[in-house]
């Protein structure tokens, strides 16, 4: 009996361990079904399973903070410069600048310390209802402060991170004094309550309730392509998009969680999503621009090319607190 027990113990010790499939756990602030298809492409290529949790960017950052070293995330994906930089500044991301990430992501769209990397680009565009406003009057964000737009301009609420980033870019380009003058002039042209979403603002401009608005370009592209249904598609025909010269560019970005347990797999996912294949796959279905190069979307080609304003995302992030202060002082609700 004793020999039998010893034999069993020997068999247990020498038996090969069950190998668990490689995986990477993703916290994502992007909410697109098409992203799941891109993750499947990655899994098919690498054999690495992607476990996905989607929520708002703010709640994901708070969750990472709350979970600490026990966090269930290997990477976090966020959709604005302010959010990804905030996560980095709070020590939630680890430096992970591999040669592939540095090569694939232009310097202006990645953290100088290697904590986050852009995947797709978004333009803060100007929309016009030509029946109410001559689109020839508008070529830049500065034109939004023109007295000719009195009572014709509509904007989203102050807490919208995309508008905060736009104002931050203007501070970086003009300095705080001129940026404040621009803000004051622009807000004098607003006569209706501030909007809660880009989609609602587009509808208001299309219906002639506003003559001009400021939105992320892909909301209009999606609407015009029928992504919101026929009614919105028909309504959006009344709207023209202007890509300002120069254009404010924001990003969606990926960072490796400081608590990542699957670090190797997280790096592989980041390298894939910032590659030409991965970035283009993310951007094509959502009407974003890939992190580098041209879009393959016919709708975006209709809009024409744009010239970025040259403000790096890291520099943009430094101006976010001053931007919010200026917006508050100027009466942006």
C-alpha atoms as a PDB file:
ATOM      1  CA  UNK A   1       0.000   0.000   0.000  1.00  0.00           C
ATOM      2  CA  UNK A   2       2.857   2.339   0.903  1.00  0.00           C
ATOM      3  CA  UNK A   3       4.567   1.683  -2.445  1.00  0.00           C
ATOM      4  CA  UNK A   4       1.267   2.339  -4.248  1.00  0.00           C
ATOM      5  CA  UNK A   5       0.911   5.785  -2.605  1.00  0.00           C
ATOM      6  CA  UNK A   6       4.519   6.672  -3.444  1.00  0.00           C
ATOM      7  CA  UNK A   7       3.896   5.699  -7.073  1.00  0.00           C
ATOM      8  CA  UNK A   8       0.827   7.941  -7.223  1.00  0.00           C
ATOM      9  CA  UNK A   9       2.726  10.898  -5.755  1.00  0.00           C
ATOM     10  CA  UNK A  10       5.537  10.376  -8.246  1.00  0.00           C
ATOM     11  CA  UNK A  11       3.050  10.345 -11.122  1.00  0.00           C
ATOM     12  CA  UNK A  12       1.440  13.612  -9.904  1.00  0.00           C
ATOM     13  CA  UNK A  13       4.785  15.414  -9.556  1.00  0.00           C
ATOM     14  CA  UNK A  14       6.079  14.376 -12.965  1.00  0.00           C
ATOM     15  CA  UNK A  15       2.828  14.857 -14.909  1.00  0.00           C
ATOM     16  CA  UNK A  16       3.084  17.724 -17.420  1.00  0.00           C
ATOM     17  CA  UNK A  17       1.282  20.943 -16.362  1.00  0.00           C
ATOM     18  CA  UNK A  18      -1.808  21.905 -18.328  1.00  0.00           C
ATOM     19  CA  UNK A  19      -0.820  24.800 -20.595  1.00  0.00           C
ATOM     20  CA  UNK A  20      -3.282  27.667 -20.579  1.00  0.00           C
ATOM     21  CA  UNK A  21      -3.941  29.460 -23.847  1.00  0.00           C
ATOM     22  CA  UNK A  22      -2.175  32.827 -24.148  1.00  0.00           C
ATOM     23  CA  UNK A  23      -4.458  35.795 -23.614  1.00  0.00           C
ATOM     24  CA  UNK A  24      -4.493  39.575 -23.304  1.00  0.00           C
ATOM     25  CA  UNK A  25      -7.064  41.459 -21.241  1.00  0.00           C
ATOM     26  CA  UNK A  26      -8.295  44.730 -22.692  1.00  0.00           C
ATOM     27  CA  UNK A  27     -10.102  47.639 -21.035  1.00  0.00           C
ATOM     28  CA  UNK A  28     -11.511  49.680 -23.925  1.00  0.00           C
ATOM     29  CA  UNK A  29     -13.234  53.051 -24.073  1.00  0.00           C
ATOM     30  CA  UNK A  30     -14.055  52.451 -27.751  1.00  0.00           C
ATOM     31  CA  UNK A  31     -17.549  51.103 -28.363  1.00  0.00           C
ATOM     32  CA  UNK A  32     -17.568  49.727 -31.899  1.00  0.00           C
ATOM     33  CA  UNK A  33     -18.625  46.221 -32.912  1.00  0.00           C
ATOM     34  CA  UNK A  34     -16.078  46.481 -35.709  1.00  0.00           C
ATOM     35  CA  UNK A  35     -13.257  46.562 -33.116  1.00  0.00           C
ATOM     36  CA  UNK A  36     -14.178  43.002 -32.149  1.00  0.00           C
ATOM     37  CA  UNK A  37     -13.487  41.899 -35.709  1.00  0.00           C
ATOM     38  CA  UNK A  38     -10.043  43.499 -35.513  1.00  0.00           C
ATOM     39  CA  UNK A  39      -9.332  41.691 -32.242  1.00  0.00           C
ATOM     40  CA  UNK A  40     -10.344  38.452 -33.956  1.00  0.00           C
ATOM     41  CA  UNK A  41      -7.847  39.182 -36.742  1.00  0.00           C
ATOM     42  CA  UNK A  42      -5.173  39.549 -34.079  1.00  0.00           C
ATOM     43  CA  UNK A  43      -6.216  36.289 -32.401  1.00  0.00           C
ATOM     44  CA  UNK A  44      -6.226  34.439 -35.724  1.00  0.00           C
ATOM     45  CA  UNK A  45      -2.716  35.702 -36.487  1.00  0.00           C
ATOM     46  CA  UNK A  46      -1.163  35.078 -33.078  1.00  0.00           C
ATOM     47  CA  UNK A  47      -3.291  32.505 -31.267  1.00  0.00           C
ATOM     48  CA  UNK A  48      -3.667  34.996 -28.407  1.00  0.00           C
ATOM     49  CA  UNK A  49      -7.182  35.294 -27.017  1.00  0.00           C
ATOM     50  CA  UNK A  50      -8.502  38.812 -26.405  1.00  0.00           C
ATOM     51  CA  UNK A  51     -10.682  39.256 -23.331  1.00  0.00           C
ATOM     52  CA  UNK A  52     -12.537  42.549 -23.721  1.00  0.00           C
ATOM     53  CA  UNK A  53     -14.204  44.859 -21.220  1.00  0.00           C
ATOM     54  CA  UNK A  54     -15.859  47.999 -22.622  1.00  0.00           C
ATOM     55  CA  UNK A  55     -16.916  51.015 -20.563  1.00  0.00           C
ATOM     56  CA  UNK A  56     -16.540  54.789 -20.544  1.00  0.00           C
ATOM     57  CA  UNK A  57     -12.983  56.071 -20.475  1.00  0.00           C
ATOM     58  CA  UNK A  58     -13.428  57.797 -17.122  1.00  0.00           C
ATOM     59  CA  UNK A  59     -14.795  54.669 -15.447  1.00  0.00           C
ATOM     60  CA  UNK A  60     -11.991  52.507 -16.865  1.00  0.00           C
ATOM     61  CA  UNK A  61      -9.295  54.813 -15.516  1.00  0.00           C
ATOM     62  CA  UNK A  62     -11.021  54.850 -12.122  1.00  0.00           C
ATOM     63  CA  UNK A  63     -11.273  51.063 -12.210  1.00  0.00           C
ATOM     64  CA  UNK A  64      -7.553  50.712 -12.902  1.00  0.00           C
ATOM     65  CA  UNK A  65      -6.810  53.004  -9.951  1.00  0.00           C
ATOM     66  CA  UNK A  66      -9.152  51.115  -7.657  1.00  0.00           C
ATOM     67  CA  UNK A  67      -7.871  47.668  -8.608  1.00  0.00           C
ATOM     68  CA  UNK A  68      -4.207  48.645  -8.346  1.00  0.00           C
ATOM     69  CA  UNK A  69      -1.812  45.704  -8.645  1.00  0.00           C
ATOM     70  CA  UNK A  70      -4.825  43.374  -8.814  1.00  0.00           C
ATOM     71  CA  UNK A  71      -6.143  45.006 -12.000  1.00  0.00           C
ATOM     72  CA  UNK A  72      -7.611  42.654 -14.571  1.00  0.00           C
ATOM     73  CA  UNK A  73      -6.247  44.687 -17.492  1.00  0.00           C
ATOM     74  CA  UNK A  74      -3.138  44.183 -19.564  1.00  0.00           C
ATOM     75  CA  UNK A  75      -3.873  47.132 -21.847  1.00  0.00           C
ATOM     76  CA  UNK A  76      -6.204  50.106 -21.813  1.00  0.00           C
ATOM     77  CA  UNK A  77      -7.597  51.794 -24.912  1.00  0.00           C
ATOM     78  CA  UNK A  78      -8.931  55.355 -24.617  1.00  0.00           C
ATOM     79  CA  UNK A  79     -10.349  57.843 -27.106  1.00  0.00           C
ATOM     80  CA  UNK A  80      -8.907  61.218 -26.204  1.00  0.00           C
ATOM     81  CA  UNK A  81      -5.490  62.702 -25.476  1.00  0.00           C
ATOM     82  CA  UNK A  82      -6.647  63.998 -22.101  1.00  0.00           C
ATOM     83  CA  UNK A  83      -7.762  60.591 -20.881  1.00  0.00           C
ATOM     84  CA  UNK A  84      -4.720  58.603 -21.973  1.00  0.00           C
ATOM     85  CA  UNK A  85      -2.335  61.241 -20.612  1.00  0.00           C
ATOM     86  CA  UNK A  86      -4.236  61.318 -17.323  1.00  0.00           C
ATOM     87  CA  UNK A  87      -3.850  57.555 -17.002  1.00  0.00           C
ATOM     88  CA  UNK A  88      -0.111  57.883 -17.668  1.00  0.00           C
ATOM     89  CA  UNK A  89       0.315  60.734 -15.171  1.00  0.00           C
ATOM     90  CA  UNK A  90      -1.380  58.663 -12.472  1.00  0.00           C
ATOM     91  CA  UNK A  91       1.161  55.879 -12.916  1.00  0.00           C
ATOM     92  CA  UNK A  92      -1.337  53.464 -14.440  1.00  0.00           C
ATOM     93  CA  UNK A  93       0.716  52.764 -17.583  1.00  0.00           C
ATOM     94  CA  UNK A  94       4.189  51.295 -17.962  1.00  0.00           C
ATOM     95  CA  UNK A  95       6.774  52.446 -20.547  1.00  0.00           C
ATOM     96  CA  UNK A  96       6.729  50.010 -23.455  1.00  0.00           C
ATOM     97  CA  UNK A  97       8.434  51.675 -26.393  1.00  0.00           C
ATOM     98  CA  UNK A  98       9.490  48.770 -28.578  1.00  0.00           C
ATOM     99  CA  UNK A  99      11.239  49.442 -31.881  1.00  0.00           C
ATOM    100  CA  UNK A 100       8.063  48.477 -33.767  1.00  0.00           C
ATOM    101  CA  UNK A 101       5.879  50.914 -31.795  1.00  0.00           C
ATOM    102  CA  UNK A 102       8.359  53.752 -32.283  1.00  0.00           C
ATOM    103  CA  UNK A 103       8.605  52.999 -35.999  1.00  0.00           C
ATOM    104  CA  UNK A 104       4.860  52.661 -36.561  1.00  0.00           C
ATOM    105  CA  UNK A 105       3.566  55.654 -34.575  1.00  0.00           C
ATOM    106  CA  UNK A 106       4.732  59.162 -35.559  1.00  0.00           C
ATOM    107  CA  UNK A 107       6.375  60.999 -32.664  1.00  0.00           C
ATOM    108  CA  UNK A 108       3.569  63.571 -32.392  1.00  0.00           C
ATOM    109  CA  UNK A 109       1.069  60.778 -31.721  1.00  0.00           C
ATOM    110  CA  UNK A 110       2.904  58.896 -28.964  1.00  0.00           C
ATOM    111  CA  UNK A 111       4.077  59.641 -25.450  1.00  0.00           C
ATOM    112  CA  UNK A 112       7.741  60.767 -25.301  1.00  0.00           C
ATOM    113  CA  UNK A 113       8.123  58.426 -22.311  1.00  0.00           C
ATOM    114  CA  UNK A 114       6.664  55.484 -24.230  1.00  0.00           C
ATOM    115  CA  UNK A 115       3.590  54.979 -22.054  1.00  0.00           C
ATOM    116  CA  UNK A 116       0.924  55.288 -24.779  1.00  0.00           C
ATOM    117  CA  UNK A 117       0.676  55.113 -28.561  1.00  0.00           C
ATOM    118  CA  UNK A 118      -1.891  56.438 -31.027  1.00  0.00           C
ATOM    119  CA  UNK A 119      -3.936  53.964 -33.063  1.00  0.00           C
ATOM    120  CA  UNK A 120      -6.336  56.205 -35.047  1.00  0.00           C
ATOM    121  CA  UNK A 121      -6.783  59.930 -35.704  1.00  0.00           C
ATOM    122  CA  UNK A 122      -9.874  62.160 -35.422  1.00  0.00           C
ATOM    123  CA  UNK A 123     -10.389  65.682 -36.764  1.00  0.00           C
ATOM    124  CA  UNK A 124     -12.400  68.289 -34.879  1.00  0.00           C
ATOM    125  CA  UNK A 125     -14.281  69.554 -37.917  1.00  0.00           C
ATOM    126  CA  UNK A 126     -16.607  72.476 -38.603  1.00  0.00           C
ATOM    127  CA  UNK A 127     -20.049  71.747 -40.042  1.00  0.00           C
ATOM    128  CA  UNK A 128     -22.182  74.257 -41.930  1.00  0.00           C
ATOM    129  CA  UNK A 129     -25.743  74.426 -43.181  1.00  0.00           C
ATOM    130  CA  UNK A 130     -25.224  76.280 -46.507  1.00  0.00           C
ATOM    131  CA  UNK A 131     -28.813  77.539 -46.454  1.00  0.00           C
ATOM    132  CA  UNK A 132     -28.003  79.533 -43.319  1.00  0.00           C
ATOM    133  CA  UNK A 133     -24.291  80.315 -43.624  1.00  0.00           C
ATOM    134  CA  UNK A 134     -21.984  80.845 -46.585  1.00  0.00           C
ATOM    135  CA  UNK A 135     -19.405  78.081 -46.159  1.00  0.00           C
ATOM    136  CA  UNK A 136     -16.886  80.274 -47.957  1.00  0.00           C
ATOM    137  CA  UNK A 137     -16.706  82.423 -44.823  1.00  0.00           C
ATOM    138  CA  UNK A 138     -15.104  79.623 -42.817  1.00  0.00           C
ATOM    139  CA  UNK A 139     -11.646  78.211 -43.355  1.00  0.00           C
ATOM    140  CA  UNK A 140     -10.243  77.991 -39.831  1.00  0.00           C
ATOM    141  CA  UNK A 141     -11.273  77.793 -36.188  1.00  0.00           C
ATOM    142  CA  UNK A 142     -10.501  81.514 -35.925  1.00  0.00           C
ATOM    143  CA  UNK A 143     -13.412  82.212 -38.266  1.00  0.00           C
ATOM    144  CA  UNK A 144     -15.823  80.858 -35.642  1.00  0.00           C
ATOM    145  CA  UNK A 145     -15.287  84.126 -33.776  1.00  0.00           C
ATOM    146  CA  UNK A 146     -16.340  86.247 -36.769  1.00  0.00           C
ATOM    147  CA  UNK A 147     -19.208  88.692 -36.029  1.00  0.00           C
ATOM    148  CA  UNK A 148     -20.855  87.418 -39.226  1.00  0.00           C
ATOM    149  CA  UNK A 149     -21.729  84.233 -37.325  1.00  0.00           C
ATOM    150  CA  UNK A 150     -23.631  86.076 -34.570  1.00  0.00           C
ATOM    151  CA  UNK A 151     -26.436  83.816 -33.221  1.00  0.00           C
ATOM    152  CA  UNK A 152     -25.560  81.090 -35.730  1.00  0.00           C
ATOM    153  CA  UNK A 153     -22.955  79.019 -33.886  1.00  0.00           C
ATOM    154  CA  UNK A 154     -23.748  75.920 -31.802  1.00  0.00           C
ATOM    155  CA  UNK A 155     -21.308  74.071 -29.534  1.00  0.00           C
ATOM    156  CA  UNK A 156     -21.199  71.068 -27.243  1.00  0.00           C
ATOM    157  CA  UNK A 157     -21.002  71.499 -23.490  1.00  0.00           C
ATOM    158  CA  UNK A 158     -17.801  72.591 -21.778  1.00  0.00           C
ATOM    159  CA  UNK A 159     -17.142  69.195 -20.186  1.00  0.00           C
ATOM    160  CA  UNK A 160     -16.821  67.543 -23.590  1.00  0.00           C
ATOM    161  CA  UNK A 161     -13.207  66.373 -23.741  1.00  0.00           C
ATOM    162  CA  UNK A 162     -12.957  66.923 -27.493  1.00  0.00           C
ATOM    163  CA  UNK A 163     -13.709  70.627 -27.095  1.00  0.00           C
ATOM    164  CA  UNK A 164     -11.270  70.869 -24.209  1.00  0.00           C
ATOM    165  CA  UNK A 165      -8.592  69.391 -26.454  1.00  0.00           C
ATOM    166  CA  UNK A 166      -9.479  71.845 -29.236  1.00  0.00           C
ATOM    167  CA  UNK A 167      -9.065  74.807 -26.903  1.00  0.00           C
ATOM    168  CA  UNK A 168      -5.830  73.299 -25.572  1.00  0.00           C
ATOM    169  CA  UNK A 169      -4.487  73.157 -29.130  1.00  0.00           C
ATOM    170  CA  UNK A 170      -5.344  76.824 -29.657  1.00  0.00           C
ATOM    171  CA  UNK A 171      -3.469  77.754 -26.470  1.00  0.00           C
ATOM    172  CA  UNK A 172      -0.459  75.789 -27.715  1.00  0.00           C
ATOM    173  CA  UNK A 173      -0.593  77.571 -31.074  1.00  0.00           C
ATOM    174  CA  UNK A 174      -1.573  81.128 -30.080  1.00  0.00           C
ATOM    175  CA  UNK A 175      -0.745  81.478 -26.400  1.00  0.00           C
ATOM    176  CA  UNK A 176      -3.322  82.019 -23.643  1.00  0.00           C
ATOM    177  CA  UNK A 177      -4.068  85.704 -24.372  1.00  0.00           C
ATOM    178  CA  UNK A 178      -4.983  85.253 -28.034  1.00  0.00           C
ATOM    179  CA  UNK A 179      -6.742  81.973 -27.292  1.00  0.00           C
ATOM    180  CA  UNK A 180      -8.943  83.755 -24.752  1.00  0.00           C
ATOM    181  CA  UNK A 181      -9.771  86.490 -27.263  1.00  0.00           C
ATOM    182  CA  UNK A 182     -10.776  83.815 -29.756  1.00  0.00           C
ATOM    183  CA  UNK A 183     -12.876  82.025 -27.140  1.00  0.00           C
ATOM    184  CA  UNK A 184     -14.704  85.210 -26.138  1.00  0.00           C
ATOM    185  CA  UNK A 185     -15.462  86.078 -29.755  1.00  0.00           C
ATOM    186  CA  UNK A 186     -16.672  82.577 -30.533  1.00  0.00           C
ATOM    187  CA  UNK A 187     -18.946  82.354 -27.495  1.00  0.00           C
ATOM    188  CA  UNK A 188     -20.553  85.686 -28.392  1.00  0.00           C
ATOM    189  CA  UNK A 189     -21.875  83.926 -31.491  1.00  0.00           C
ATOM    190  CA  UNK A 190     -23.691  81.233 -29.483  1.00  0.00           C
ATOM    191  CA  UNK A 191     -27.380  81.875 -28.829  1.00  0.00           C
ATOM    192  CA  UNK A 192     -28.822  78.439 -27.983  1.00  0.00           C
ATOM    193  CA  UNK A 193     -28.038  76.027 -25.100  1.00  0.00           C
ATOM    194  CA  UNK A 194     -24.932  73.906 -25.416  1.00  0.00           C
ATOM    195  CA  UNK A 195     -25.436  70.386 -26.785  1.00  0.00           C
ATOM    196  CA  UNK A 196     -24.844  67.064 -25.035  1.00  0.00           C
ATOM    197  CA  UNK A 197     -23.616  65.146 -28.106  1.00  0.00           C
ATOM    198  CA  UNK A 198     -22.082  65.638 -31.536  1.00  0.00           C
ATOM    199  CA  UNK A 199     -24.974  63.750 -33.142  1.00  0.00           C
ATOM    200  CA  UNK A 200     -27.584  66.090 -31.635  1.00  0.00           C
ATOM    201  CA  UNK A 201     -25.559  69.079 -32.798  1.00  0.00           C
ATOM    202  CA  UNK A 202     -25.365  67.738 -36.363  1.00  0.00           C
ATOM    203  CA  UNK A 203     -29.135  67.296 -36.416  1.00  0.00           C
ATOM    204  CA  UNK A 204     -29.626  70.877 -35.193  1.00  0.00           C
ATOM    205  CA  UNK A 205     -27.395  72.255 -37.948  1.00  0.00           C
ATOM    206  CA  UNK A 206     -29.107  70.067 -40.556  1.00  0.00           C
ATOM    207  CA  UNK A 207     -32.522  71.325 -39.444  1.00  0.00           C
ATOM    208  CA  UNK A 208     -31.395  74.946 -39.634  1.00  0.00           C
ATOM    209  CA  UNK A 209     -31.635  75.548 -35.886  1.00  0.00           C
ATOM    210  CA  UNK A 210     -27.940  76.419 -36.080  1.00  0.00           C
ATOM    211  CA  UNK A 211     -25.878  77.586 -39.002  1.00  0.00           C
ATOM    212  CA  UNK A 212     -22.496  76.286 -37.837  1.00  0.00           C
ATOM    213  CA  UNK A 213     -21.218  73.690 -35.368  1.00  0.00           C
ATOM    214  CA  UNK A 214     -18.045  71.928 -34.259  1.00  0.00           C
ATOM    215  CA  UNK A 215     -17.979  68.108 -34.217  1.00  0.00           C
ATOM    216  CA  UNK A 216     -15.649  65.161 -34.688  1.00  0.00           C
ATOM    217  CA  UNK A 217     -15.629  64.414 -38.403  1.00  0.00           C
ATOM    218  CA  UNK A 218     -16.580  60.733 -38.128  1.00  0.00           C
ATOM    219  CA  UNK A 219     -19.969  61.449 -36.552  1.00  0.00           C
ATOM    220  CA  UNK A 220     -21.052  63.213 -39.734  1.00  0.00           C
ATOM    221  CA  UNK A 221     -19.397  60.610 -41.992  1.00  0.00           C
ATOM    222  CA  UNK A 222     -21.233  57.806 -40.224  1.00  0.00           C
ATOM    223  CA  UNK A 223     -24.530  59.664 -40.434  1.00  0.00           C
ATOM    224  CA  UNK A 224     -24.127  60.475 -44.130  1.00  0.00           C
ATOM    225  CA  UNK A 225     -23.186  56.866 -44.873  1.00  0.00           C
ATOM    226  CA  UNK A 226     -26.424  55.624 -43.301  1.00  0.00           C
ATOM    227  CA  UNK A 227     -24.973  54.305 -40.071  1.00  0.00           C
ATOM    228  CA  UNK A 228     -27.663  56.049 -38.008  1.00  0.00           C
ATOM    229  CA  UNK A 229     -30.561  55.091 -40.281  1.00  0.00           C
ATOM    230  CA  UNK A 230     -32.233  56.587 -43.344  1.00  0.00           C
ATOM    231  CA  UNK A 231     -33.823  59.522 -41.543  1.00  0.00           C
ATOM    232  CA  UNK A 232     -30.483  60.840 -40.282  1.00  0.00           C
ATOM    233  CA  UNK A 233     -28.831  60.051 -43.612  1.00  0.00           C
ATOM    234  CA  UNK A 234     -31.389  62.202 -45.443  1.00  0.00           C
ATOM    235  CA  UNK A 235     -31.125  64.958 -42.844  1.00  0.00           C
ATOM    236  CA  UNK A 236     -27.331  65.035 -42.982  1.00  0.00           C
ATOM    237  CA  UNK A 237     -27.405  65.890 -46.695  1.00  0.00           C
ATOM    238  CA  UNK A 238     -28.102  69.454 -45.543  1.00  0.00           C
ATOM    239  CA  UNK A 239     -24.702  69.607 -43.836  1.00  0.00           C
ATOM    240  CA  UNK A 240     -21.266  70.353 -45.265  1.00  0.00           C
ATOM    241  CA  UNK A 241     -18.043  69.428 -43.465  1.00  0.00           C
ATOM    242  CA  UNK A 242     -15.098  71.833 -43.436  1.00  0.00           C
ATOM    243  CA  UNK A 243     -11.698  70.475 -42.462  1.00  0.00           C
ATOM    244  CA  UNK A 244     -10.093  73.601 -40.955  1.00  0.00           C
ATOM    245  CA  UNK A 245      -6.647  74.737 -42.022  1.00  0.00           C
ATOM    246  CA  UNK A 246      -4.749  73.796 -39.961  1.00  0.00           C
ATOM    247  CA  UNK A 247      -6.811  71.021 -38.372  1.00  0.00           C
ATOM    248  CA  UNK A 248      -6.841  69.937 -34.741  1.00  0.00           C
ATOM    249  CA  UNK A 249      -6.037  66.209 -34.593  1.00  0.00           C
ATOM    250  CA  UNK A 250      -6.933  63.990 -31.645  1.00  0.00           C
ATOM    251  CA  UNK A 251      -6.384  60.248 -31.279  1.00  0.00           C
ATOM    252  CA  UNK A 252      -7.553  56.991 -29.846  1.00  0.00           C
ATOM    253  CA  UNK A 253      -4.611  55.364 -28.094  1.00  0.00           C
ATOM    254  CA  UNK A 254      -3.378  52.247 -26.364  1.00  0.00           C
ATOM    255  CA  UNK A 255      -1.222  51.879 -23.260  1.00  0.00           C
ATOM    256  CA  UNK A 256       0.179  48.889 -21.381  1.00  0.00           C
ATOM    257  CA  UNK A 257      -1.254  48.695 -17.866  1.00  0.00           C
ATOM    258  CA  UNK A 258       1.309  48.998 -15.088  1.00  0.00           C
ATOM    259  CA  UNK A 259      -0.245  45.892 -13.552  1.00  0.00           C
ATOM    260  CA  UNK A 260      -0.165  43.834 -16.771  1.00  0.00           C
ATOM    261  CA  UNK A 261       0.226  40.119 -16.097  1.00  0.00           C
ATOM    262  CA  UNK A 262       0.429  39.232 -19.798  1.00  0.00           C
ATOM    263  CA  UNK A 263       3.023  41.805 -20.774  1.00  0.00           C
ATOM    264  CA  UNK A 264       4.407  40.017 -23.821  1.00  0.00           C
ATOM    265  CA  UNK A 265       0.927  39.490 -25.268  1.00  0.00           C
ATOM    266  CA  UNK A 266      -0.023  43.117 -24.471  1.00  0.00           C
ATOM    267  CA  UNK A 267       2.969  44.358 -26.445  1.00  0.00           C
ATOM    268  CA  UNK A 268       1.996  42.147 -29.383  1.00  0.00           C
ATOM    269  CA  UNK A 269      -1.519  43.584 -29.384  1.00  0.00           C
ATOM    270  CA  UNK A 270      -0.235  47.173 -29.196  1.00  0.00           C
ATOM    271  CA  UNK A 271       2.157  46.536 -32.080  1.00  0.00           C
ATOM    272  CA  UNK A 272      -0.642  45.041 -34.161  1.00  0.00           C
ATOM    273  CA  UNK A 273      -3.171  47.835 -33.514  1.00  0.00           C
ATOM    274  CA  UNK A 274      -0.634  50.529 -34.404  1.00  0.00           C
ATOM    275  CA  UNK A 275       0.599  48.728 -37.525  1.00  0.00           C
ATOM    276  CA  UNK A 276      -0.667  49.692 -40.965  1.00  0.00           C
ATOM    277  CA  UNK A 277      -2.868  46.582 -41.025  1.00  0.00           C
ATOM    278  CA  UNK A 278      -4.294  47.010 -37.543  1.00  0.00           C
ATOM    279  CA  UNK A 279      -4.732  50.780 -37.550  1.00  0.00           C
ATOM    280  CA  UNK A 280      -6.398  50.742 -40.968  1.00  0.00           C
ATOM    281  CA  UNK A 281      -8.728  47.956 -39.868  1.00  0.00           C
ATOM    282  CA  UNK A 282      -9.780  49.928 -36.776  1.00  0.00           C
ATOM    283  CA  UNK A 283     -10.269  53.141 -38.736  1.00  0.00           C
ATOM    284  CA  UNK A 284     -11.997  51.904 -41.881  1.00  0.00           C
ATOM    285  CA  UNK A 285     -15.298  50.887 -40.289  1.00  0.00           C
ATOM    286  CA  UNK A 286     -15.502  53.895 -37.970  1.00  0.00           C
ATOM    287  CA  UNK A 287     -14.583  56.596 -40.519  1.00  0.00           C
ATOM    288  CA  UNK A 288     -11.475  57.557 -38.561  1.00  0.00           C
ATOM    289  CA  UNK A 289      -8.067  58.139 -40.119  1.00  0.00           C
ATOM    290  CA  UNK A 290      -5.333  55.534 -39.556  1.00  0.00           C
ATOM    291  CA  UNK A 291      -2.474  56.712 -37.362  1.00  0.00           C
ATOM    292  CA  UNK A 292      -0.273  57.084 -40.433  1.00  0.00           C
ATOM    293  CA  UNK A 293      -1.023  57.466 -44.140  1.00  0.00           C
ATOM    294  CA  UNK A 294      -4.277  57.980 -46.009  1.00  0.00           C
ATOM    295  CA  UNK A 295      -7.733  56.568 -45.333  1.00  0.00           C
ATOM    296  CA  UNK A 296      -9.219  54.010 -47.693  1.00  0.00           C
ATOM    297  CA  UNK A 297     -12.740  55.302 -46.984  1.00  0.00           C
ATOM    298  CA  UNK A 298     -14.532  56.749 -50.006  1.00  0.00           C
ATOM    299  CA  UNK A 299     -16.513  59.036 -47.696  1.00  0.00           C
ATOM    300  CA  UNK A 300     -13.351  60.537 -46.193  1.00  0.00           C
ATOM    301  CA  UNK A 301     -11.854  61.003 -49.656  1.00  0.00           C
ATOM    302  CA  UNK A 302     -14.934  63.089 -50.465  1.00  0.00           C
ATOM    303  CA  UNK A 303     -14.037  65.385 -47.579  1.00  0.00           C
ATOM    304  CA  UNK A 304     -10.572  65.986 -49.017  1.00  0.00           C
ATOM    305  CA  UNK A 305      -7.179  66.176 -47.371  1.00  0.00           C
ATOM    306  CA  UNK A 306      -6.265  68.074 -44.230  1.00  0.00           C
ATOM    307  CA  UNK A 307      -3.190  69.723 -42.765  1.00  0.00           C
ATOM    308  CA  UNK A 308      -2.564  68.886 -39.076  1.00  0.00           C
ATOM    309  CA  UNK A 309      -1.871  71.850 -36.810  1.00  0.00           C
ATOM    310  CA  UNK A 310       1.420  70.295 -35.681  1.00  0.00           C
ATOM    311  CA  UNK A 311       0.594  70.293 -31.963  1.00  0.00           C
ATOM    312  CA  UNK A 312       1.864  67.035 -30.491  1.00  0.00           C
ATOM    313  CA  UNK A 313      -0.531  65.069 -28.312  1.00  0.00           C
ATOM    314  CA  UNK A 314       1.877  65.299 -25.362  1.00  0.00           C
ATOM    315  CA  UNK A 315       2.032  69.108 -25.712  1.00  0.00           C
ATOM    316  CA  UNK A 316      -1.735  69.194 -26.076  1.00  0.00           C
ATOM    317  CA  UNK A 317      -2.117  67.330 -22.810  1.00  0.00           C
ATOM    318  CA  UNK A 318      -0.051  69.944 -20.960  1.00  0.00           C
ATOM    319  CA  UNK A 319      -2.532  72.663 -21.963  1.00  0.00           C
ATOM    320  CA  UNK A 320      -5.703  70.857 -20.862  1.00  0.00           C
ATOM    321  CA  UNK A 321      -5.981  72.396 -17.391  1.00  0.00           C
ATOM    322  CA  UNK A 322      -5.390  75.948 -18.702  1.00  0.00           C
ATOM    323  CA  UNK A 323      -7.919  75.215 -21.455  1.00  0.00           C
ATOM    324  CA  UNK A 324     -10.648  74.236 -19.015  1.00  0.00           C
ATOM    325  CA  UNK A 325      -9.906  77.313 -16.902  1.00  0.00           C
ATOM    326  CA  UNK A 326     -10.212  79.605 -19.944  1.00  0.00           C
ATOM    327  CA  UNK A 327     -13.421  77.932 -21.054  1.00  0.00           C
ATOM    328  CA  UNK A 328     -14.924  78.460 -17.616  1.00  0.00           C
ATOM    329  CA  UNK A 329     -13.807  82.102 -17.446  1.00  0.00           C
ATOM    330  CA  UNK A 330     -15.254  82.785 -20.889  1.00  0.00           C
ATOM    331  CA  UNK A 331     -18.678  81.441 -19.951  1.00  0.00           C
ATOM    332  CA  UNK A 332     -18.646  78.156 -21.856  1.00  0.00           C
ATOM    333  CA  UNK A 333     -21.385  76.240 -20.040  1.00  0.00           C
END
